[in-house]
PDB file of N, CA and C in Angstrom:
ATOM      1  N   MET A   1     182.009 275.276 -82.027  1.00  0.00           N
ATOM      2  CA  MET A   1     181.322 274.219 -81.329  1.00  0.00           C
ATOM      3  C   MET A   1     180.359 274.799 -80.292  1.00  0.00           C
ATOM      4  N   PHE A   2     180.833 275.757 -79.479  1.00  0.00           N
ATOM      5  CA  PHE A   2     179.963 276.420 -78.516  1.00  0.00           C
ATOM      6  C   PHE A   2     179.405 277.690 -79.153  1.00  0.00           C
ATOM      7  N   SER A   3     178.202 278.014 -78.797  1.00  0.00           N
ATOM      8  CA  SER A   3     177.650 279.264 -79.300  1.00  0.00           C
ATOM      9  C   SER A   3     178.202 280.428 -78.478  1.00  0.00           C
ATOM     10  N   LYS A   4     178.100 281.627 -79.011  1.00  0.00           N
ATOM     11  CA  LYS A   4     178.613 282.813 -78.317  1.00  0.00           C
ATOM     12  C   LYS A   4     177.880 283.028 -77.004  1.00  0.00           C
ATOM     13  N   GLU A   5     176.584 282.769 -76.969  1.00  0.00           N
ATOM     14  CA  GLU A   5     175.806 282.961 -75.738  1.00  0.00           C
ATOM     15  C   GLU A   5     176.289 282.022 -74.634  1.00  0.00           C
ATOM     16  N   LEU A   6     176.579 280.778 -74.989  1.00  0.00           N
ATOM     17  CA  LEU A   6     177.041 279.812 -74.005  1.00  0.00           C
ATOM     18  C   LEU A   6     178.411 280.207 -73.460  1.00  0.00           C
ATOM     19  N   LYS A   7     179.298 280.694 -74.332  1.00  0.00           N
ATOM     20  CA  LYS A   7     180.615 281.139 -73.884  1.00  0.00           C
ATOM     21  C   LYS A   7     180.497 282.320 -72.929  1.00  0.00           C
ATOM     22  N   ASP A   8     179.636 283.282 -73.263  1.00  0.00           N
ATOM     23  CA  ASP A   8     179.450 284.452 -72.405  1.00  0.00           C
ATOM     24  C   ASP A   8     178.882 284.054 -71.042  1.00  0.00           C
ATOM     25  N   MET A   9     177.915 283.158 -71.041  1.00  0.00           N
ATOM     26  CA  MET A   9     177.306 282.724 -69.790  1.00  0.00           C
ATOM     27  C   MET A   9     178.329 281.971 -68.931  1.00  0.00           C
ATOM     28  N   LEU A  10     179.118 281.107 -69.542  1.00  0.00           N
ATOM     29  CA  LEU A  10     180.137 280.361 -68.814  1.00  0.00           C
ATOM     30  C   LEU A  10     181.183 281.297 -68.221  1.00  0.00           C
ATOM     31  N   LEU A  11     181.576 282.304 -68.964  1.00  0.00           N
ATOM     32  CA  LEU A  11     182.530 283.292 -68.481  1.00  0.00           C
ATOM     33  C   LEU A  11     181.966 284.065 -67.292  1.00  0.00           C
ATOM     34  N   GLN A  12     180.694 284.439 -67.350  1.00  0.00           N
ATOM     35  CA  GLN A  12     180.064 285.147 -66.237  1.00  0.00           C
ATOM     36  C   GLN A  12     180.006 284.278 -64.986  1.00  0.00           C
ATOM     37  N   VAL A  13     179.747 282.991 -65.156  1.00  0.00           N
ATOM     38  CA  VAL A  13     179.682 282.083 -64.002  1.00  0.00           C
ATOM     39  C   VAL A  13     181.055 281.935 -63.367  1.00  0.00           C
ATOM     40  N   VAL A  14     182.087 281.742 -64.167  1.00  0.00           N
ATOM     41  CA  VAL A  14     183.431 281.533 -63.641  1.00  0.00           C
ATOM     42  C   VAL A  14     183.952 282.790 -62.963  1.00  0.00           C
ATOM     43  N   ILE A  15     183.617 283.955 -63.475  1.00  0.00           N
ATOM     44  CA  ILE A  15     184.111 285.214 -62.920  1.00  0.00           C
ATOM     45  C   ILE A  15     183.258 285.715 -61.749  1.00  0.00           C
ATOM     46  N   SER A  16     182.143 285.109 -61.474  1.00  0.00           N
ATOM     47  CA  SER A  16     181.273 285.598 -60.386  1.00  0.00           C
ATOM     48  C   SER A  16     182.005 285.526 -59.042  1.00  0.00           C
ATOM     49  N   TRP A  17     181.659 286.431 -58.137  1.00  0.00           N
ATOM     50  CA  TRP A  17     182.369 286.518 -56.862  1.00  0.00           C
ATOM     51  C   TRP A  17     182.139 285.273 -56.007  1.00  0.00           C
ATOM     52  N   GLN A  18     180.997 284.618 -56.135  1.00  0.00           N
ATOM     53  CA  GLN A  18     180.725 283.428 -55.334  1.00  0.00           C
ATOM     54  C   GLN A  18     181.677 282.296 -55.710  1.00  0.00           C
ATOM     55  N   VAL A  19     181.872 282.086 -57.017  1.00  0.00           N
ATOM     56  CA  VAL A  19     182.750 281.011 -57.474  1.00  0.00           C
ATOM     57  C   VAL A  19     184.195 281.320 -57.082  1.00  0.00           C
ATOM     58  N   LEU A  20     184.604 282.555 -57.236  1.00  0.00           N
ATOM     59  CA  LEU A  20     185.966 282.926 -56.867  1.00  0.00           C
ATOM     60  C   LEU A  20     186.201 282.781 -55.360  1.00  0.00           C
ATOM     61  N   ALA A  21     185.225 283.180 -54.535  1.00  0.00           N
ATOM     62  CA  ALA A  21     185.373 283.067 -53.085  1.00  0.00           C
ATOM     63  C   ALA A  21     185.472 281.603 -52.649  1.00  0.00           C
ATOM     64  N   VAL A  22     184.649 280.752 -53.197  1.00  0.00           N
ATOM     65  CA  VAL A  22     184.696 279.330 -52.843  1.00  0.00           C
ATOM     66  C   VAL A  22     186.010 278.704 -53.309  1.00  0.00           C
ATOM     67  N   THR A  23     186.471 279.072 -54.481  1.00  0.00           N
ATOM     68  CA  THR A  23     187.737 278.545 -54.993  1.00  0.00           C
ATOM     69  C   THR A  23     188.898 278.945 -54.095  1.00  0.00           C
ATOM     70  N   VAL A  24     188.956 280.206 -53.708  1.00  0.00           N
ATOM     71  CA  VAL A  24     190.016 280.671 -52.808  1.00  0.00           C
ATOM     72  C   VAL A  24     189.905 279.965 -51.459  1.00  0.00           C
ATOM     73  N   GLY A  25     188.697 279.783 -50.947  1.00  0.00           N
ATOM     74  CA  GLY A  25     188.511 279.086 -49.674  1.00  0.00           C
ATOM     75  C   GLY A  25     188.975 277.642 -49.715  1.00  0.00           C
ATOM     76  N   VAL A  26     188.678 276.949 -50.780  1.00  0.00           N
ATOM     77  CA  VAL A  26     189.101 275.548 -50.913  1.00  0.00           C
ATOM     78  C   VAL A  26     190.621 275.459 -51.017  1.00  0.00           C
ATOM     79  N   ILE A  27     191.231 276.362 -51.761  1.00  0.00           N
ATOM     80  CA  ILE A  27     192.691 276.352 -51.885  1.00  0.00           C
ATOM     81  C   ILE A  27     193.344 276.628 -50.538  1.00  0.00           C
ATOM     82  N   LEU A  28     192.840 277.608 -49.785  1.00  0.00           N
ATOM     83  CA  LEU A  28     193.388 277.887 -48.456  1.00  0.00           C
ATOM     84  C   LEU A  28     193.210 276.698 -47.513  1.00  0.00           C
ATOM     85  N   TYR A  29     192.082 276.012 -47.608  1.00  0.00           N
ATOM     86  CA  TYR A  29     191.832 274.834 -46.779  1.00  0.00           C
ATOM     87  C   TYR A  29     192.848 273.738 -47.088  1.00  0.00           C
ATOM     88  N   PHE A  30     193.141 273.488 -48.365  1.00  0.00           N
ATOM     89  CA  PHE A  30     194.127 272.475 -48.728  1.00  0.00           C
ATOM     90  C   PHE A  30     195.523 272.855 -48.229  1.00  0.00           C
ATOM     91  N   PHE A  31     195.878 274.136 -48.323  1.00  0.00           N
ATOM     92  CA  PHE A  31     197.165 274.561 -47.803  1.00  0.00           C
ATOM     93  C   PHE A  31     197.244 274.357 -46.294  1.00  0.00           C
ATOM     94  N   LEU A  32     196.167 274.645 -45.573  1.00  0.00           N
ATOM     95  CA  LEU A  32     196.149 274.463 -44.125  1.00  0.00           C
ATOM     96  C   LEU A  32     196.297 272.996 -43.754  1.00  0.00           C
ATOM     97  N   VAL A  33     195.558 272.116 -44.419  1.00  0.00           N
ATOM     98  CA  VAL A  33     195.644 270.680 -44.137  1.00  0.00           C
ATOM     99  C   VAL A  33     197.039 270.164 -44.465  1.00  0.00           C
ATOM    100  N   SER A  34     197.605 270.612 -45.555  1.00  0.00           N
ATOM    101  CA  SER A  34     198.950 270.195 -45.929  1.00  0.00           C
ATOM    102  C   SER A  34     199.975 270.670 -44.901  1.00  0.00           C
ATOM    103  N   TYR A  35     199.846 271.896 -44.435  1.00  0.00           N
ATOM    104  CA  TYR A  35     200.768 272.451 -43.443  1.00  0.00           C
ATOM    105  C   TYR A  35     200.692 271.667 -42.136  1.00  0.00           C
ATOM    106  N   VAL A  36     199.493 271.395 -41.677  1.00  0.00           N
ATOM    107  CA  VAL A  36     199.330 270.648 -40.421  1.00  0.00           C
ATOM    108  C   VAL A  36     199.853 269.226 -40.587  1.00  0.00           C
ATOM    109  N   GLY A  37     199.601 268.604 -41.722  1.00  0.00           N
ATOM    110  CA  GLY A  37     200.082 267.250 -41.964  1.00  0.00           C
ATOM    111  C   GLY A  37     201.599 267.157 -41.986  1.00  0.00           C
ATOM    112  N   ARG A  38     202.255 268.158 -42.511  1.00  0.00           N
ATOM    113  CA  ARG A  38     203.719 268.150 -42.554  1.00  0.00           C
ATOM    114  C   ARG A  38     204.329 268.409 -41.189  1.00  0.00           C
ATOM    115  N   ASN A  39     203.684 269.226 -40.359  1.00  0.00           N
ATOM    116  CA  ASN A  39     204.273 269.626 -39.081  1.00  0.00           C
ATOM    117  C   ASN A  39     203.845 268.776 -37.895  1.00  0.00           C
ATOM    118  N   TYR A  40     202.859 267.918 -38.057  1.00  0.00           N
ATOM    119  CA  TYR A  40     202.387 267.115 -36.937  1.00  0.00           C
ATOM    120  C   TYR A  40     203.293 265.903 -36.757  1.00  0.00           C
ATOM    121  N   ARG A  41     203.826 265.750 -35.577  1.00  0.00           N
ATOM    122  CA  ARG A  41     204.656 264.593 -35.242  1.00  0.00           C
ATOM    123  C   ARG A  41     204.186 264.052 -33.887  1.00  0.00           C
ATOM    124  N   ARG A  42     204.058 262.741 -33.799  1.00  0.00           N
ATOM    125  CA  ARG A  42     203.747 262.134 -32.503  1.00  0.00           C
ATOM    126  C   ARG A  42     205.020 262.072 -31.678  1.00  0.00           C
ATOM    127  N   PRO A  43     204.892 262.259 -30.372  1.00  0.00           N
ATOM    128  CA  PRO A  43     206.077 262.108 -29.516  1.00  0.00           C
ATOM    129  C   PRO A  43     206.581 260.666 -29.576  1.00  0.00           C
ATOM    130  N   ARG A  44     207.874 260.496 -29.660  1.00  0.00           N
ATOM    131  CA  ARG A  44     208.451 259.165 -29.816  1.00  0.00           C
ATOM    132  C   ARG A  44     208.196 258.296 -28.592  1.00  0.00           C
ATOM    133  N   HIS A  45     208.303 258.858 -27.402  1.00  0.00           N
ATOM    134  CA  HIS A  45     208.120 258.049 -26.201  1.00  0.00           C
ATOM    135  C   HIS A  45     206.663 257.617 -26.018  1.00  0.00           C
ATOM    136  N   ALA A  46     205.727 258.406 -26.461  1.00  0.00           N
ATOM    137  CA  ALA A  46     204.321 258.040 -26.304  1.00  0.00           C
ATOM    138  C   ALA A  46     203.959 256.881 -27.235  1.00  0.00           C
ATOM    139  N   SER A  47     204.512 256.853 -28.428  1.00  0.00           N
ATOM    140  CA  SER A  47     204.186 255.772 -29.349  1.00  0.00           C
ATOM    141  C   SER A  47     204.749 254.445 -28.857  1.00  0.00           C
ATOM    142  N   ALA A  48     205.912 254.468 -28.194  1.00  0.00           N
ATOM    143  CA  ALA A  48     206.471 253.235 -27.648  1.00  0.00           C
ATOM    144  C   ALA A  48     205.600 252.713 -26.519  1.00  0.00           C
ATOM    145  N   LYS A  49     205.049 253.603 -25.715  1.00  0.00           N
ATOM    146  CA  LYS A  49     204.159 253.183 -24.635  1.00  0.00           C
ATOM    147  C   LYS A  49     202.882 252.585 -25.197  1.00  0.00           C
ATOM    148  N   LEU A  50     202.368 253.180 -26.272  1.00  0.00           N
ATOM    149  CA  LEU A  50     201.141 252.658 -26.873  1.00  0.00           C
ATOM    150  C   LEU A  50     201.355 251.257 -27.430  1.00  0.00           C
ATOM    151  N   ILE A  51     202.510 251.014 -28.016  1.00  0.00           N
ATOM    152  CA  ILE A  51     202.790 249.688 -28.579  1.00  0.00           C
ATOM    153  C   ILE A  51     202.874 248.653 -27.469  1.00  0.00           C
ATOM    154  N   SER A  52     203.556 248.986 -26.378  1.00  0.00           N
ATOM    155  CA  SER A  52     203.686 248.012 -25.291  1.00  0.00           C
ATOM    156  C   SER A  52     202.339 247.774 -24.613  1.00  0.00           C
ATOM    157  N   LYS A  53     201.518 248.811 -24.475  1.00  0.00           N
ATOM    158  CA  LYS A  53     200.192 248.638 -23.891  1.00  0.00           C
ATOM    159  C   LYS A  53     199.312 247.779 -24.784  1.00  0.00           C
ATOM    160  N   ALA A  54     199.440 247.951 -26.089  1.00  0.00           N
ATOM    161  CA  ALA A  54     198.624 247.177 -27.021  1.00  0.00           C
ATOM    162  C   ALA A  54     198.980 245.704 -26.960  1.00  0.00           C
ATOM    163  N   SER A  55     200.250 245.370 -26.818  1.00  0.00           N
ATOM    164  CA  SER A  55     200.638 243.964 -26.760  1.00  0.00           C
ATOM    165  C   SER A  55     200.143 243.329 -25.470  1.00  0.00           C
ATOM    166  N   HIS A  56     200.205 244.069 -24.355  1.00  0.00           N
ATOM    167  CA  HIS A  56     199.693 243.534 -23.098  1.00  0.00           C
ATOM    168  C   HIS A  56     198.176 243.391 -23.140  1.00  0.00           C
ATOM    169  N   ALA A  57     197.515 244.319 -23.781  1.00  0.00           N
ATOM    170  CA  ALA A  57     196.058 244.264 -23.870  1.00  0.00           C
ATOM    171  C   ALA A  57     195.609 243.095 -24.734  1.00  0.00           C
ATOM    172  N   SER A  58     196.347 242.793 -25.799  1.00  0.00           N
ATOM    173  CA  SER A  58     195.955 241.679 -26.666  1.00  0.00           C
ATOM    174  C   SER A  58     196.141 240.344 -25.952  1.00  0.00           C
ATOM    175  N   GLU A  59     197.185 240.229 -25.125  1.00  0.00           N
ATOM    176  CA  GLU A  59     197.376 239.006 -24.351  1.00  0.00           C
ATOM    177  C   GLU A  59     196.253 238.831 -23.334  1.00  0.00           C
ATOM    178  N   ALA A  60     195.866 239.909 -22.672  1.00  0.00           N
ATOM    179  CA  ALA A  60     194.795 239.838 -21.689  1.00  0.00           C
ATOM    180  C   ALA A  60     193.463 239.543 -22.368  1.00  0.00           C
ATOM    181  N   ALA A  61     193.252 240.095 -23.553  1.00  0.00           N
ATOM    182  CA  ALA A  61     192.001 239.865 -24.267  1.00  0.00           C
ATOM    183  C   ALA A  61     191.908 238.418 -24.730  1.00  0.00           C
ATOM    184  N   ALA A  62     193.022 237.818 -25.111  1.00  0.00           N
ATOM    185  CA  ALA A  62     193.005 236.423 -25.553  1.00  0.00           C
ATOM    186  C   ALA A  62     192.619 235.505 -24.400  1.00  0.00           C
ATOM    187  N   ALA A  63     193.120 235.785 -23.209  1.00  0.00           N
ATOM    188  CA  ALA A  63     192.770 234.979 -22.047  1.00  0.00           C
ATOM    189  C   ALA A  63     191.310 235.216 -21.659  1.00  0.00           C
ATOM    190  N   GLY A  64     190.845 236.445 -21.809  1.00  0.00           N
ATOM    191  CA  GLY A  64     189.461 236.773 -21.452  1.00  0.00           C
ATOM    192  C   GLY A  64     188.462 236.186 -22.424  1.00  0.00           C
ATOM    193  N   ASP A  65     188.827 235.991 -23.684  1.00  0.00           N
ATOM    194  CA  ASP A  65     187.917 235.434 -24.683  1.00  0.00           C
ATOM    195  C   ASP A  65     187.541 233.995 -24.366  1.00  0.00           C
ATOM    196  N   GLU A  66     188.485 233.205 -23.875  1.00  0.00           N
ATOM    197  CA  GLU A  66     188.197 231.810 -23.548  1.00  0.00           C
ATOM    198  C   GLU A  66     187.182 231.725 -22.413  1.00  0.00           C
ATOM    199  N   GLU A  67     187.365 232.556 -21.396  1.00  0.00           N
ATOM    200  CA  GLU A  67     186.435 232.551 -20.268  1.00  0.00           C
ATOM    201  C   GLU A  67     185.057 233.030 -20.702  1.00  0.00           C
ATOM    202  N   GLU A  68     185.029 234.038 -21.546  1.00  0.00           N
ATOM    203  CA  GLU A  68     183.764 234.596 -21.997  1.00  0.00           C
ATOM    204  C   GLU A  68     182.981 233.591 -22.827  1.00  0.00           C
ATOM    205  N   GLN A  69     183.644 232.810 -23.641  1.00  0.00           N
ATOM    206  CA  GLN A  69     182.974 231.851 -24.503  1.00  0.00           C
ATOM    207  C   GLN A  69     182.314 230.755 -23.675  1.00  0.00           C
ATOM    208  N   THR A  70     182.946 230.279 -22.656  1.00  0.00           N
ATOM    209  CA  THR A  70     182.338 229.225 -21.837  1.00  0.00           C
ATOM    210  C   THR A  70     181.140 229.759 -21.066  1.00  0.00           C
ATOM    211  N   SER A  71     181.213 231.003 -20.615  1.00  0.00           N
ATOM    212  CA  SER A  71     180.079 231.551 -19.875  1.00  0.00           C
ATOM    213  C   SER A  71     178.884 231.776 -20.803  1.00  0.00           C
ATOM    214  N   GLU A  72     179.116 232.118 -22.057  1.00  0.00           N
ATOM    215  CA  GLU A  72     178.013 232.284 -22.998  1.00  0.00           C
ATOM    216  C   GLU A  72     177.323 230.955 -23.252  1.00  0.00           C
ATOM    217  N   ASP A  73     178.099 229.869 -23.372  1.00  0.00           N
ATOM    218  CA  ASP A  73     177.509 228.551 -23.590  1.00  0.00           C
ATOM    219  C   ASP A  73     176.652 228.131 -22.401  1.00  0.00           C
ATOM    220  N   GLU A  74     177.120 228.424 -21.198  1.00  0.00           N
ATOM    221  CA  GLU A  74     176.356 228.057 -20.008  1.00  0.00           C
ATOM    222  C   GLU A  74     175.054 228.844 -19.932  1.00  0.00           C
ATOM    223  N   ASP A  75     175.090 230.108 -20.329  1.00  0.00           N
ATOM    224  CA  ASP A  75     173.877 230.925 -20.295  1.00  0.00           C
ATOM    225  C   ASP A  75     172.832 230.406 -21.255  1.00  0.00           C
ATOM    226  N   LEU A  76     173.235 229.826 -22.359  1.00  0.00           N
ATOM    227  CA  LEU A  76     172.292 229.337 -23.354  1.00  0.00           C
ATOM    228  C   LEU A  76     171.831 227.918 -23.059  1.00  0.00           C
ATOM    229  N   GLY A  77     172.455 227.256 -22.113  1.00  0.00           N
ATOM    230  CA  GLY A  77     172.080 225.899 -21.775  1.00  0.00           C
ATOM    231  C   GLY A  77     172.572 224.894 -22.800  1.00  0.00           C
ATOM    232  N   LEU A  78     173.672 225.221 -23.490  1.00  0.00           N
ATOM    233  CA  LEU A  78     174.217 224.327 -24.503  1.00  0.00           C
ATOM    234  C   LEU A  78     175.199 223.369 -23.873  1.00  0.00           C
ATOM    235  N   GLU A  79     175.245 222.160 -24.383  1.00  0.00           N
ATOM    236  CA  GLU A  79     176.190 221.174 -23.919  1.00  0.00           C
ATOM    237  C   GLU A  79     177.060 220.755 -25.090  1.00  0.00           C
ATOM    238  N   GLU A  80     178.362 220.627 -24.836  1.00  0.00           N
ATOM    239  CA  GLU A  80     179.266 220.180 -25.872  1.00  0.00           C
ATOM    240  C   GLU A  80     179.305 218.669 -25.905  1.00  0.00           C
ATOM    241  N   GLU A  81     179.390 218.080 -27.072  1.00  0.00           N
ATOM    242  CA  GLU A  81     179.436 216.620 -27.183  1.00  0.00           C
ATOM    243  C   GLU A  81     180.831 216.146 -27.444  1.00  0.00           C
TER     244      GLU A  81
END
């Protein structure tokens, strides 16, 4: 199916030092990312603080949205019917 010239050229490309160096670099990069992903853990106490802060922030934002909406209407000179 392939001619001999095409097989030889493909073999030369795959064996070239540039292709081998990039392949080794990509494999090492994946191993590094995998290693960091397995060993990274968030501190348990910090995540609990973030959750409680987020719930307080959402309550404050809900109250702030109502005030903000009325001030925007006043700035535009709109009247509700």
